[in-house]
C-alpha atoms as a PDB file:
ATOM      1  CA  MET A   1     128.858 -41.642 -89.474  1.00  0.00           C
ATOM      2  CA  THR A   2     127.521 -42.712 -86.078  1.00  0.00           C
ATOM      3  CA  ASP A   3     124.425 -40.960 -84.742  1.00  0.00           C
ATOM      4  CA  THR A   4     122.907 -41.073 -81.256  1.00  0.00           C
ATOM      5  CA  PHE A   5     119.494 -40.880 -79.674  1.00  0.00           C
ATOM      6  CA  THR A   6     118.488 -40.625 -76.035  1.00  0.00           C
ATOM      7  CA  THR A   7     116.102 -43.202 -74.592  1.00  0.00           C
ATOM      8  CA  THR A   8     113.218 -42.387 -72.293  1.00  0.00           C
ATOM      9  CA  LYS A   9     115.475 -43.523 -69.428  1.00  0.00           C
ATOM     10  CA  GLY A  10     118.169 -41.041 -70.466  1.00  0.00           C
ATOM     11  CA  ARG A  11     120.608 -43.525 -71.995  1.00  0.00           C
ATOM     12  CA  LYS A  12     122.483 -42.311 -75.094  1.00  0.00           C
ATOM     13  CA  ILE A  13     122.421 -44.980 -77.793  1.00  0.00           C
ATOM     14  CA  ALA A  14     124.876 -44.935 -80.708  1.00  0.00           C
ATOM     15  CA  TYR A  15     123.603 -46.233 -84.037  1.00  0.00           C
ATOM     16  CA  ASN A  16     124.163 -46.362 -87.781  1.00  0.00           C
ATOM     17  CA  LEU A  17     121.066 -46.311 -89.986  1.00  0.00           C
ATOM     18  CA  THR A  18     121.262 -47.021 -93.701  1.00  0.00           C
ATOM     19  CA  GLU A  19     118.273 -45.838 -95.693  1.00  0.00           C
ATOM     20  CA  GLY A  20     116.775 -48.188 -98.247  1.00  0.00           C
ATOM     21  CA  GLN A  21     113.919 -50.494 -99.116  1.00  0.00           C
ATOM     22  CA  GLY A  22     112.165 -52.654 -96.562  1.00  0.00           C
ATOM     23  CA  PRO A  23     111.636 -54.775 -94.707  1.00  0.00           C
ATOM     24  CA  ALA A  24     114.471 -53.093 -92.826  1.00  0.00           C
ATOM     25  CA  VAL A  25     117.139 -55.392 -91.384  1.00  0.00           C
ATOM     26  CA  VAL A  26     118.010 -54.785 -87.737  1.00  0.00           C
ATOM     27  CA  PHE A  27     121.162 -56.336 -86.268  1.00  0.00           C
ATOM     28  CA  LEU A  28     121.114 -57.046 -82.533  1.00  0.00           C
ATOM     29  CA  GLY A  29     124.544 -57.835 -81.122  1.00  0.00           C
ATOM     30  CA  GLY A  30     125.697 -60.105 -78.349  1.00  0.00           C
ATOM     31  CA  PHE A  31     126.705 -59.805 -74.716  1.00  0.00           C
ATOM     32  CA  LYS A  32     129.520 -57.246 -74.379  1.00  0.00           C
ATOM     33  CA  SER A  33     129.891 -56.965 -78.163  1.00  0.00           C
ATOM     34  CA  ASP A  34     129.347 -53.859 -80.278  1.00  0.00           C
ATOM     35  CA  MET A  35     128.083 -52.694 -83.643  1.00  0.00           C
ATOM     36  CA  ALA A  36     131.603 -52.569 -85.118  1.00  0.00           C
ATOM     37  CA  GLY A  37     131.834 -56.368 -85.138  1.00  0.00           C
ATOM     38  CA  THR A  38     132.415 -58.468 -88.242  1.00  0.00           C
ATOM     39  CA  LYS A  39     128.811 -59.617 -88.729  1.00  0.00           C
ATOM     40  CA  ALA A  40     127.275 -56.157 -88.230  1.00  0.00           C
ATOM     41  CA  VAL A  41     129.629 -54.457 -90.698  1.00  0.00           C
ATOM     42  CA  PHE A  42     129.354 -57.292 -93.226  1.00  0.00           C
ATOM     43  CA  LEU A  43     125.550 -57.103 -93.122  1.00  0.00           C
ATOM     44  CA  GLU A  44     125.584 -53.325 -93.449  1.00  0.00           C
ATOM     45  CA  ASP A  45     127.753 -53.565 -96.584  1.00  0.00           C
ATOM     46  CA  TRP A  46     125.466 -56.271 -97.966  1.00  0.00           C
ATOM     47  CA  ALA A  47     122.369 -54.167 -97.249  1.00  0.00           C
ATOM     48  CA  LYS A  48     123.876 -51.138 -98.991  1.00  0.00           C
ATOM     49  CA  ASN A  49     124.634 -53.237-102.057  1.00  0.00           C
ATOM     50  CA  GLN A  50     121.066 -54.569-102.003  1.00  0.00           C
ATOM     51  CA  GLY A  51     119.477 -51.161-101.419  1.00  0.00           C
ATOM     52  CA  ARG A  52     118.026 -52.512 -98.151  1.00  0.00           C
ATOM     53  CA  ALA A  53     117.377 -50.423 -95.064  1.00  0.00           C
ATOM     54  CA  PHE A  54     119.674 -51.517 -92.234  1.00  0.00           C
ATOM     55  CA  LEU A  55     120.162 -50.604 -88.586  1.00  0.00           C
ATOM     56  CA  ARG A  56     122.997 -51.521 -86.222  1.00  0.00           C
ATOM     57  CA  PHE A  57     123.367 -50.020 -82.758  1.00  0.00           C
ATOM     58  CA  ASP A  58     125.100 -50.392 -79.406  1.00  0.00           C
ATOM     59  CA  TYR A  59     123.097 -51.254 -76.313  1.00  0.00           C
ATOM     60  CA  SER A  60     123.799 -49.040 -73.302  1.00  0.00           C
ATOM     61  CA  GLY A  61     127.070 -50.037 -71.672  1.00  0.00           C
ATOM     62  CA  HIS A  62     128.302 -51.409 -75.007  1.00  0.00           C
ATOM     63  CA  GLY A  63     130.488 -49.866 -77.704  1.00  0.00           C
ATOM     64  CA  GLU A  64     129.918 -46.143 -78.206  1.00  0.00           C
ATOM     65  CA  SER A  65     126.727 -45.885 -76.142  1.00  0.00           C
ATOM     66  CA  SER A  66     126.550 -44.367 -72.661  1.00  0.00           C
ATOM     67  CA  GLU A  67     126.447 -46.088 -69.261  1.00  0.00           C
ATOM     68  CA  ALA A  68     128.673 -48.720 -67.671  1.00  0.00           C
ATOM     69  CA  PHE A  69     128.375 -52.329 -68.815  1.00  0.00           C
ATOM     70  CA  GLU A  70     128.199 -53.651 -65.238  1.00  0.00           C
ATOM     71  CA  ASP A  71     125.176 -51.461 -64.499  1.00  0.00           C
ATOM     72  CA  GLY A  72     123.104 -52.969 -67.293  1.00  0.00           C
ATOM     73  CA  CYS A  73     120.771 -55.950 -67.542  1.00  0.00           C
ATOM     74  CA  ILE A  74     118.711 -57.769 -70.150  1.00  0.00           C
ATOM     75  CA  GLY A  75     115.697 -55.543 -69.560  1.00  0.00           C
ATOM     76  CA  ASP A  76     117.737 -52.372 -70.123  1.00  0.00           C
ATOM     77  CA  TRP A  77     119.115 -53.704 -73.388  1.00  0.00           C
ATOM     78  CA  PHE A  78     115.676 -54.908 -74.478  1.00  0.00           C
ATOM     79  CA  GLU A  79     114.336 -51.387 -73.840  1.00  0.00           C
ATOM     80  CA  ASP A  80     117.221 -49.898 -75.826  1.00  0.00           C
ATOM     81  CA  ALA A  81     116.403 -52.209 -78.729  1.00  0.00           C
ATOM     82  CA  CYS A  82     112.689 -51.412 -78.617  1.00  0.00           C
ATOM     83  CA  GLU A  83     113.435 -47.692 -78.827  1.00  0.00           C
ATOM     84  CA  ALA A  84     116.042 -48.222 -81.548  1.00  0.00           C
ATOM     85  CA  ILE A  85     113.551 -49.915 -83.857  1.00  0.00           C
ATOM     86  CA  GLU A  86     111.314 -46.865 -83.538  1.00  0.00           C
ATOM     87  CA  LEU A  87     113.881 -45.103 -85.750  1.00  0.00           C
ATOM     88  CA  ILE A  88     112.435 -47.158 -88.617  1.00  0.00           C
ATOM     89  CA  ASP A  89     108.947 -47.222 -90.094  1.00  0.00           C
ATOM     90  CA  GLY A  90     107.419 -50.418 -91.388  1.00  0.00           C
ATOM     91  CA  PRO A  91     108.210 -54.106 -90.998  1.00  0.00           C
ATOM     92  CA  LEU A  92     111.545 -55.394 -89.731  1.00  0.00           C
ATOM     93  CA  VAL A  93     113.730 -58.455 -90.165  1.00  0.00           C
ATOM     94  CA  LEU A  94     115.425 -58.994 -86.803  1.00  0.00           C
ATOM     95  CA  VAL A  95     118.898 -60.556 -86.929  1.00  0.00           C
ATOM     96  CA  GLY A  96     119.986 -61.454 -83.405  1.00  0.00           C
ATOM     97  CA  SER A  97     123.419 -62.790 -82.510  1.00  0.00           C
ATOM     98  CA  SER A  98     123.841 -64.694 -79.219  1.00  0.00           C
ATOM     99  CA  MET A  99     122.238 -62.428 -76.580  1.00  0.00           C
ATOM    100  CA  GLY A 100     120.783 -60.468 -79.485  1.00  0.00           C
ATOM    101  CA  GLY A 101     118.915 -63.640 -80.415  1.00  0.00           C
ATOM    102  CA  TRP A 102     117.267 -63.629 -76.985  1.00  0.00           C
ATOM    103  CA  ILE A 103     116.460 -59.935 -77.243  1.00  0.00           C
ATOM    104  CA  SER A 104     115.024 -60.378 -80.741  1.00  0.00           C
ATOM    105  CA  LEU A 105     112.716 -63.092 -79.402  1.00  0.00           C
ATOM    106  CA  GLN A 106     111.550 -60.689 -76.687  1.00  0.00           C
ATOM    107  CA  ILE A 107     110.873 -57.999 -79.288  1.00  0.00           C
ATOM    108  CA  ALA A 108     108.940 -60.511 -81.372  1.00  0.00           C
ATOM    109  CA  ARG A 109     106.882 -61.457 -78.322  1.00  0.00           C
ATOM    110  CA  ALA A 110     106.180 -57.846 -77.346  1.00  0.00           C
ATOM    111  CA  HIS A 111     105.743 -56.343 -80.843  1.00  0.00           C
ATOM    112  CA  PRO A 112     104.893 -59.125 -83.310  1.00  0.00           C
ATOM    113  CA  GLU A 113     103.168 -56.606 -85.581  1.00  0.00           C
ATOM    114  CA  ARG A 114     106.581 -55.051 -86.383  1.00  0.00           C
ATOM    115  CA  VAL A 115     108.347 -58.279 -87.324  1.00  0.00           C
ATOM    116  CA  ALA A 116     108.474 -59.580 -90.904  1.00  0.00           C
ATOM    117  CA  GLY A 117     110.976 -62.324 -90.084  1.00  0.00           C
ATOM    118  CA  LEU A 118     113.655 -63.350 -87.633  1.00  0.00           C
ATOM    119  CA  VAL A 119     117.170 -64.765 -87.999  1.00  0.00           C
ATOM    120  CA  GLY A 120     118.939 -66.094 -84.921  1.00  0.00           C
ATOM    121  CA  ILE A 121     122.715 -66.602 -85.013  1.00  0.00           C
ATOM    122  CA  ALA A 122     123.881 -68.808 -82.123  1.00  0.00           C
ATOM    123  CA  ALA A 123     120.812 -67.519 -80.290  1.00  0.00           C
ATOM    124  CA  ALA A 124     121.206 -67.609 -76.511  1.00  0.00           C
ATOM    125  CA  PRO A 125     117.730 -67.453 -74.953  1.00  0.00           C
ATOM    126  CA  ASP A 126     117.592 -67.404 -71.135  1.00  0.00           C
ATOM    127  CA  PHE A 127     121.405 -67.599 -70.865  1.00  0.00           C
ATOM    128  CA  THR A 128     121.561 -65.662 -67.590  1.00  0.00           C
ATOM    129  CA  GLU A 129     119.567 -68.457 -65.945  1.00  0.00           C
ATOM    130  CA  ASP A 130     120.462 -71.567 -67.951  1.00  0.00           C
ATOM    131  CA  GLY A 131     124.045 -70.577 -68.701  1.00  0.00           C
ATOM    132  CA  PHE A 132     125.410 -68.467 -65.863  1.00  0.00           C
ATOM    133  CA  TRP A 133     123.258 -69.291 -62.833  1.00  0.00           C
ATOM    134  CA  ALA A 134     122.841 -72.990 -63.601  1.00  0.00           C
ATOM    135  CA  ASN A 135     126.618 -73.433 -63.837  1.00  0.00           C
ATOM    136  CA  PHE A 136     127.675 -71.311 -60.860  1.00  0.00           C
ATOM    137  CA  THR A 137     129.348 -73.213 -58.057  1.00  0.00           C
ATOM    138  CA  PRO A 138     127.927 -72.859 -54.534  1.00  0.00           C
ATOM    139  CA  GLU A 139     130.878 -70.547 -53.818  1.00  0.00           C
ATOM    140  CA  GLN A 140     130.054 -68.322 -56.795  1.00  0.00           C
ATOM    141  CA  LYS A 141     126.397 -68.140 -55.791  1.00  0.00           C
ATOM    142  CA  ALA A 142     127.461 -67.124 -52.289  1.00  0.00           C
ATOM    143  CA  GLU A 143     129.809 -64.490 -53.700  1.00  0.00           C
ATOM    144  CA  LEU A 144     127.025 -63.133 -55.893  1.00  0.00           C
ATOM    145  CA  ALA A 145     124.702 -62.897 -52.878  1.00  0.00           C
ATOM    146  CA  HIS A 146     127.252 -61.189 -50.640  1.00  0.00           C
ATOM    147  CA  GLU A 147     129.245 -59.072 -53.094  1.00  0.00           C
ATOM    148  CA  GLY A 148     126.560 -58.438 -55.710  1.00  0.00           C
ATOM    149  CA  LYS A 149     128.788 -59.657 -58.535  1.00  0.00           C
ATOM    150  CA  VAL A 150     131.150 -62.414 -59.636  1.00  0.00           C
ATOM    151  CA  ALA A 151     133.885 -62.443 -62.290  1.00  0.00           C
ATOM    152  CA  LEU A 152     133.899 -65.142 -64.973  1.00  0.00           C
ATOM    153  CA  PRO A 153     136.744 -65.812 -67.435  1.00  0.00           C
ATOM    154  CA  SER A 154     136.074 -64.828 -71.031  1.00  0.00           C
ATOM    155  CA  ASP A 155     137.443 -66.121 -74.322  1.00  0.00           C
ATOM    156  CA  TYR A 156     137.261 -62.548 -75.621  1.00  0.00           C
ATOM    157  CA  GLY A 157     139.543 -60.625 -73.233  1.00  0.00           C
ATOM    158  CA  ASP A 158     138.730 -59.210 -69.797  1.00  0.00           C
ATOM    159  CA  PRO A 159     136.606 -61.314 -67.426  1.00  0.00           C
ATOM    160  CA  TYR A 160     132.838 -60.964 -67.559  1.00  0.00           C
ATOM    161  CA  ILE A 161     131.505 -59.258 -64.443  1.00  0.00           C
ATOM    162  CA  ILE A 162     128.157 -60.926 -63.757  1.00  0.00           C
ATOM    163  CA  THR A 163     125.976 -58.935 -61.378  1.00  0.00           C
ATOM    164  CA  LYS A 164     123.162 -60.049 -59.127  1.00  0.00           C
ATOM    165  CA  ARG A 165     120.903 -57.578 -60.941  1.00  0.00           C
ATOM    166  CA  LEU A 166     121.695 -59.226 -64.281  1.00  0.00           C
ATOM    167  CA  ILE A 167     120.678 -62.635 -62.921  1.00  0.00           C
ATOM    168  CA  ASP A 168     117.626 -61.472 -60.967  1.00  0.00           C
ATOM    169  CA  GLU A 169     116.224 -59.211 -63.689  1.00  0.00           C
ATOM    170  CA  GLY A 170     116.894 -61.828 -66.364  1.00  0.00           C
ATOM    171  CA  ARG A 171     114.347 -64.079 -64.682  1.00  0.00           C
ATOM    172  CA  ASP A 172     111.635 -61.647 -65.766  1.00  0.00           C
ATOM    173  CA  ARG A 173     112.757 -61.993 -69.408  1.00  0.00           C
ATOM    174  CA  LEU A 174     112.827 -65.756 -69.940  1.00  0.00           C
ATOM    175  CA  VAL A 175     111.302 -67.055 -73.175  1.00  0.00           C
ATOM    176  CA  LEU A 176     111.676 -70.833 -72.870  1.00  0.00           C
ATOM    177  CA  ARG A 177     109.346 -71.287 -69.879  1.00  0.00           C
ATOM    178  CA  THR A 178     106.100 -70.106 -71.497  1.00  0.00           C
ATOM    179  CA  PRO A 179     104.652 -70.451 -75.010  1.00  0.00           C
ATOM    180  CA  LEU A 180     106.592 -68.492 -77.627  1.00  0.00           C
ATOM    181  CA  SER A 181     104.624 -67.588 -80.740  1.00  0.00           C
ATOM    182  CA  LEU A 182     106.637 -66.406 -83.741  1.00  0.00           C
ATOM    183  CA  PRO A 183     104.007 -65.788 -86.442  1.00  0.00           C
ATOM    184  CA  PHE A 184     106.482 -65.249 -89.298  1.00  0.00           C
ATOM    185  CA  ALA A 185     109.380 -67.068 -90.958  1.00  0.00           C
ATOM    186  CA  VAL A 186     112.300 -67.893 -88.664  1.00  0.00           C
ATOM    187  CA  ARG A 187     115.815 -69.142 -89.447  1.00  0.00           C
ATOM    188  CA  PHE A 188     118.216 -70.253 -86.713  1.00  0.00           C
ATOM    189  CA  LEU A 189     121.930 -70.722 -87.512  1.00  0.00           C
ATOM    190  CA  GLN A 190     124.162 -72.673 -85.124  1.00  0.00           C
ATOM    191  CA  GLY A 191     127.764 -73.876 -85.215  1.00  0.00           C
ATOM    192  CA  THR A 192     128.591 -77.329 -83.877  1.00  0.00           C
ATOM    193  CA  ALA A 193     131.919 -76.050 -82.428  1.00  0.00           C
ATOM    194  CA  ASP A 194     130.190 -73.287 -80.435  1.00  0.00           C
ATOM    195  CA  THR A 195     131.413 -73.502 -76.822  1.00  0.00           C
ATOM    196  CA  SER A 196     129.037 -70.772 -75.558  1.00  0.00           C
ATOM    197  CA  VAL A 197     125.697 -72.011 -76.937  1.00  0.00           C
ATOM    198  CA  THR A 198     125.223 -75.727 -77.478  1.00  0.00           C
ATOM    199  CA  THR A 199     123.367 -77.426 -80.296  1.00  0.00           C
ATOM    200  CA  ALA A 200     121.061 -78.766 -77.567  1.00  0.00           C
ATOM    201  CA  THR A 201     119.999 -75.186 -76.801  1.00  0.00           C
ATOM    202  CA  ALA A 202     119.342 -74.534 -80.492  1.00  0.00           C
ATOM    203  CA  ILE A 203     117.202 -77.672 -80.759  1.00  0.00           C
ATOM    204  CA  GLN A 204     115.355 -76.799 -77.544  1.00  0.00           C
ATOM    205  CA  LEU A 205     114.472 -73.407 -79.004  1.00  0.00           C
ATOM    206  CA  LEU A 206     113.354 -74.988 -82.279  1.00  0.00           C
ATOM    207  CA  ASP A 207     111.125 -77.430 -80.378  1.00  0.00           C
ATOM    208  CA  HIS A 208     109.742 -74.741 -78.073  1.00  0.00           C
ATOM    209  CA  ALA A 209     108.840 -71.903 -80.431  1.00  0.00           C
ATOM    210  CA  ASP A 210     105.761 -71.949 -82.655  1.00  0.00           C
ATOM    211  CA  SER A 211     106.191 -70.620 -86.205  1.00  0.00           C
ATOM    212  CA  PRO A 212     104.575 -71.332 -89.585  1.00  0.00           C
ATOM    213  CA  ASP A 213     108.035 -71.593 -91.205  1.00  0.00           C
ATOM    214  CA  MET A 214     110.963 -72.294 -88.892  1.00  0.00           C
ATOM    215  CA  ARG A 215     114.280 -73.977 -89.701  1.00  0.00           C
ATOM    216  CA  LEU A 216     117.537 -74.664 -87.886  1.00  0.00           C
ATOM    217  CA  THR A 217     120.793 -74.938 -89.845  1.00  0.00           C
ATOM    218  CA  LEU A 218     123.718 -76.619 -88.077  1.00  0.00           C
ATOM    219  CA  VAL A 219     127.132 -75.761 -89.502  1.00  0.00           C
ATOM    220  CA  ASP A 220     129.815 -78.333 -88.788  1.00  0.00           C
ATOM    221  CA  GLY A 221     132.867 -76.779 -87.143  1.00  0.00           C
ATOM    222  CA  ALA A 222     131.506 -73.234 -86.892  1.00  0.00           C
ATOM    223  CA  ASP A 223     132.223 -71.438 -83.616  1.00  0.00           C
ATOM    224  CA  HIS A 224     130.153 -68.991 -81.574  1.00  0.00           C
ATOM    225  CA  SER A 225     131.198 -65.929 -83.554  1.00  0.00           C
ATOM    226  CA  PHE A 226     129.775 -67.417 -86.779  1.00  0.00           C
ATOM    227  CA  SER A 227     131.970 -64.895 -88.614  1.00  0.00           C
ATOM    228  CA  ALA A 228     134.085 -67.170 -90.814  1.00  0.00           C
ATOM    229  CA  PRO A 229     133.957 -66.475 -94.581  1.00  0.00           C
ATOM    230  CA  ASP A 230     131.790 -69.553 -95.181  1.00  0.00           C
ATOM    231  CA  CYS A 231     129.335 -68.585 -92.419  1.00  0.00           C
ATOM    232  CA  LEU A 232     128.582 -64.971 -93.306  1.00  0.00           C
ATOM    233  CA  PRO A 233     126.766 -65.762 -96.590  1.00  0.00           C
ATOM    234  CA  LEU A 234     124.469 -68.123 -94.682  1.00  0.00           C
ATOM    235  CA  ILE A 235     123.214 -65.129 -92.704  1.00  0.00           C
ATOM    236  CA  THR A 236     122.302 -63.132 -95.807  1.00  0.00           C
ATOM    237  CA  GLN A 237     120.656 -66.226 -97.319  1.00  0.00           C
ATOM    238  CA  ALA A 238     118.550 -66.579 -94.169  1.00  0.00           C
ATOM    239  CA  ILE A 239     117.546 -62.909 -94.387  1.00  0.00           C
ATOM    240  CA  GLU A 240     116.525 -63.391 -98.012  1.00  0.00           C
ATOM    241  CA  ASP A 241     114.548 -66.531 -97.091  1.00  0.00           C
ATOM    242  CA  VAL A 242     112.441 -64.851 -94.419  1.00  0.00           C
ATOM    243  CA  THR A 243     111.970 -61.749 -96.562  1.00  0.00           C
ATOM    244  CA  LEU A 244     110.702 -63.858 -99.467  1.00  0.00           C
ATOM    245  CA  ARG A 245     108.251 -65.632 -97.177  1.00  0.00           C
ATOM    246  CA  PHE A 246     107.000 -62.252 -95.924  1.00  0.00           C
ATOM    247  CA  ALA A 247     106.512 -61.015 -99.496  1.00  0.00           C
ATOM    248  CA  MET A 248     104.523 -64.139-100.362  1.00  0.00           C
ATOM    249  CA  ASP A 249     102.159 -63.924 -97.363  1.00  0.00           C
END
C-alpha cells in the first residue's frame, strides 16, 4: 500500500517502504519515470525475499506524488530524495537509475555518512547541461530564452517539456566539474545500446569519481532501461557486492 509524506516545501511524496534488515536499499528513479517501473518493483520483491529494508518513492511531479512535472527541477527532486531517506534509520545503499544516478551522487556528496554503498544504473550525471543544453540548436536555445520551455521528442511517449528553470537550476547541481568523493563501494552498470547515456559518459564518471572500490560493468546490447531479464540480476549482484564491502569495513 502506498503511503505519503509532506516535505518541508509542502510537496506530497508517495512512497512504499518495506521493513527489514539493513543497510536499507533505496531506489531512485529516472527523469519522468515512477516507482511502479520494472526495476523498482523487481528490487522490492527481491528485498522482501532477502528480508532487506527497501524504499521506492516518486519525486514531486512524478507518479503518484503531487505537483506538476514541468514545475520541477533537479534541486526539487534532490530535496524530495533527501527527505525520503529520513524515513529510514541507519546506513543506505543508494540505487540510482539514469537521473536517479545523478541524484544519488548528490546525496552521497551531501550526506556521505548515510551511504553504505552506491549502485548506478545508466547513471546520467549533469544531463541537463551535457545532454539537453549542449545539444540544443540555436533555435531551441532562443525558444527556451523567450518562451521559458522547449519540447523534445521522447522514446517513451509524450514529448519532454524542458524548462529554462530545469536548465538554469541544474547548473547548481553538477557533479562532474568538481572533485567527487565516494568513500564507499560503488558499482556502475551501463548498456552499450543505451541511446540516452553513452558509454563515454559512464567512463567519464568512473574516471572522475574517487572511491576505494569502484567498478563499471558494460553490458553488450543492453538499452537505457536496463530492465531485460538478463540485466535485472546484475543490479541485485551489485547491491550484494557493495553491501559485502560495507560489512567488511
